[in-house]
């Protein structure tokens, strides 16, 4: 479980580094999006037959980072649209 949280933080941090621009996300949001990305990566790797959902492998890690970048983009869009509505 602790390894899963650490992997989520690493994946979230890598996704934030790869995503251009400034993200207005805190550490908790980075962790949660990284965890979600790692689960998505694990599911895709499992479907492709390269490993289990919670098993760390190269393909799952790459897909997890890509999924986390996409999730960060979605989160930015949601937060950005809410801030525009409040103005």
C-alpha atoms as a PDB file:
ATOM      1  CA  UNK A   1       0.000   0.000   0.000  1.00  0.00           C
ATOM      2  CA  UNK A   2       2.815   2.419   0.860  1.00  0.00           C
ATOM      3  CA  UNK A   3       4.536   1.537  -2.409  1.00  0.00           C
ATOM      4  CA  UNK A   4       1.324   2.300  -4.288  1.00  0.00           C
ATOM      5  CA  UNK A   5       1.128   5.773  -2.671  1.00  0.00           C
ATOM      6  CA  UNK A   6       4.794   6.482  -3.445  1.00  0.00           C
ATOM      7  CA  UNK A   7       4.299   5.334  -7.043  1.00  0.00           C
ATOM      8  CA  UNK A   8       1.271   7.653  -7.289  1.00  0.00           C
ATOM      9  CA  UNK A   9       3.330  10.593  -6.072  1.00  0.00           C
ATOM     10  CA  UNK A  10       6.139   9.824  -8.522  1.00  0.00           C
ATOM     11  CA  UNK A  11       3.740   9.388 -11.433  1.00  0.00           C
ATOM     12  CA  UNK A  12       1.844  12.566 -10.505  1.00  0.00           C
ATOM     13  CA  UNK A  13       5.079  14.551 -10.197  1.00  0.00           C
ATOM     14  CA  UNK A  14       6.349  13.257 -13.547  1.00  0.00           C
ATOM     15  CA  UNK A  15       3.031  14.094 -15.172  1.00  0.00           C
ATOM     16  CA  UNK A  16       3.197  17.650 -13.806  1.00  0.00           C
ATOM     17  CA  UNK A  17       6.746  18.007 -15.117  1.00  0.00           C
ATOM     18  CA  UNK A  18       5.721  16.786 -18.575  1.00  0.00           C
ATOM     19  CA  UNK A  19       2.567  18.924 -18.778  1.00  0.00           C
ATOM     20  CA  UNK A  20       3.468  22.375 -20.094  1.00  0.00           C
ATOM     21  CA  UNK A  21       2.350  25.467 -18.232  1.00  0.00           C
ATOM     22  CA  UNK A  22       1.640  26.175 -14.604  1.00  0.00           C
ATOM     23  CA  UNK A  23      -0.730  23.848 -12.804  1.00  0.00           C
ATOM     24  CA  UNK A  24      -2.709  25.129  -9.848  1.00  0.00           C
ATOM     25  CA  UNK A  25      -2.785  21.764  -8.102  1.00  0.00           C
ATOM     26  CA  UNK A  26      -1.636  20.922  -4.610  1.00  0.00           C
ATOM     27  CA  UNK A  27       0.252  17.888  -3.391  1.00  0.00           C
ATOM     28  CA  UNK A  28      -2.956  16.027  -2.538  1.00  0.00           C
ATOM     29  CA  UNK A  29      -4.389  16.592  -6.032  1.00  0.00           C
ATOM     30  CA  UNK A  30      -1.075  15.485  -7.558  1.00  0.00           C
ATOM     31  CA  UNK A  31      -1.148  12.331  -5.419  1.00  0.00           C
ATOM     32  CA  UNK A  32      -4.753  11.507  -6.287  1.00  0.00           C
ATOM     33  CA  UNK A  33      -4.273  12.095 -10.009  1.00  0.00           C
ATOM     34  CA  UNK A  34      -1.056  10.068  -9.932  1.00  0.00           C
ATOM     35  CA  UNK A  35      -2.852   7.226  -8.151  1.00  0.00           C
ATOM     36  CA  UNK A  36      -5.667   7.327 -10.688  1.00  0.00           C
ATOM     37  CA  UNK A  37      -3.125   7.337 -13.503  1.00  0.00           C
ATOM     38  CA  UNK A  38      -1.299   4.370 -11.993  1.00  0.00           C
ATOM     39  CA  UNK A  39      -4.523   2.378 -11.731  1.00  0.00           C
ATOM     40  CA  UNK A  40      -5.335   3.192 -15.369  1.00  0.00           C
ATOM     41  CA  UNK A  41      -1.823   2.172 -16.392  1.00  0.00           C
ATOM     42  CA  UNK A  42      -2.117  -1.067 -14.445  1.00  0.00           C
ATOM     43  CA  UNK A  43      -5.474  -1.884 -16.014  1.00  0.00           C
ATOM     44  CA  UNK A  44      -4.144  -1.246 -19.532  1.00  0.00           C
ATOM     45  CA  UNK A  45      -1.033  -3.359 -18.838  1.00  0.00           C
ATOM     46  CA  UNK A  46      -3.266  -6.118 -17.457  1.00  0.00           C
ATOM     47  CA  UNK A  47      -5.499  -6.009 -20.521  1.00  0.00           C
ATOM     48  CA  UNK A  48      -2.413  -6.274 -22.756  1.00  0.00           C
ATOM     49  CA  UNK A  49      -1.173  -9.224 -20.720  1.00  0.00           C
ATOM     50  CA  UNK A  50       2.081  -7.637 -19.521  1.00  0.00           C
ATOM     51  CA  UNK A  51       1.316  -7.655 -15.790  1.00  0.00           C
ATOM     52  CA  UNK A  52      -1.243  -7.270 -13.048  1.00  0.00           C
ATOM     53  CA  UNK A  53      -3.135  -4.115 -12.138  1.00  0.00           C
ATOM     54  CA  UNK A  54      -0.973  -3.387  -9.086  1.00  0.00           C
ATOM     55  CA  UNK A  55       2.239  -4.777 -10.564  1.00  0.00           C
ATOM     56  CA  UNK A  56       4.903  -2.292 -11.636  1.00  0.00           C
ATOM     57  CA  UNK A  57       6.127  -2.774 -15.199  1.00  0.00           C
ATOM     58  CA  UNK A  58       7.465  -0.509 -17.923  1.00  0.00           C
ATOM     59  CA  UNK A  59       4.367  -0.415 -20.126  1.00  0.00           C
ATOM     60  CA  UNK A  60       2.056   0.177 -17.173  1.00  0.00           C
ATOM     61  CA  UNK A  61       4.320   2.968 -15.899  1.00  0.00           C
ATOM     62  CA  UNK A  62       4.381   4.730 -19.289  1.00  0.00           C
ATOM     63  CA  UNK A  63       0.606   4.458 -19.676  1.00  0.00           C
ATOM     64  CA  UNK A  64       0.172   5.641 -16.073  1.00  0.00           C
ATOM     65  CA  UNK A  65       2.197   8.807 -16.714  1.00  0.00           C
ATOM     66  CA  UNK A  66       0.292   9.520 -19.940  1.00  0.00           C
ATOM     67  CA  UNK A  67      -3.032   8.958 -18.163  1.00  0.00           C
ATOM     68  CA  UNK A  68      -1.964  11.232 -15.296  1.00  0.00           C
ATOM     69  CA  UNK A  69      -0.996  13.990 -17.767  1.00  0.00           C
ATOM     70  CA  UNK A  70      -4.452  13.689 -19.341  1.00  0.00           C
ATOM     71  CA  UNK A  71      -6.130  13.715 -15.903  1.00  0.00           C
ATOM     72  CA  UNK A  72      -4.183  16.838 -14.914  1.00  0.00           C
ATOM     73  CA  UNK A  73      -5.402  18.508 -18.106  1.00  0.00           C
ATOM     74  CA  UNK A  74      -8.991  17.576 -17.279  1.00  0.00           C
ATOM     75  CA  UNK A  75      -8.589  18.795 -13.689  1.00  0.00           C
ATOM     76  CA  UNK A  76      -7.170  22.107 -14.916  1.00  0.00           C
ATOM     77  CA  UNK A  77     -10.099  22.503 -17.290  1.00  0.00           C
ATOM     78  CA  UNK A  78     -12.618  21.875 -14.521  1.00  0.00           C
ATOM     79  CA  UNK A  79     -10.893  24.208 -12.062  1.00  0.00           C
ATOM     80  CA  UNK A  80     -10.416  26.867 -14.735  1.00  0.00           C
ATOM     81  CA  UNK A  81     -14.058  26.820 -15.796  1.00  0.00           C
ATOM     82  CA  UNK A  82     -15.219  27.087 -12.170  1.00  0.00           C
ATOM     83  CA  UNK A  83     -12.967  30.075 -11.564  1.00  0.00           C
ATOM     84  CA  UNK A  84     -14.384  31.825 -14.639  1.00  0.00           C
ATOM     85  CA  UNK A  85     -17.932  31.233 -13.365  1.00  0.00           C
ATOM     86  CA  UNK A  86     -17.088  32.785  -9.998  1.00  0.00           C
ATOM     87  CA  UNK A  87     -15.823  36.000 -11.575  1.00  0.00           C
END
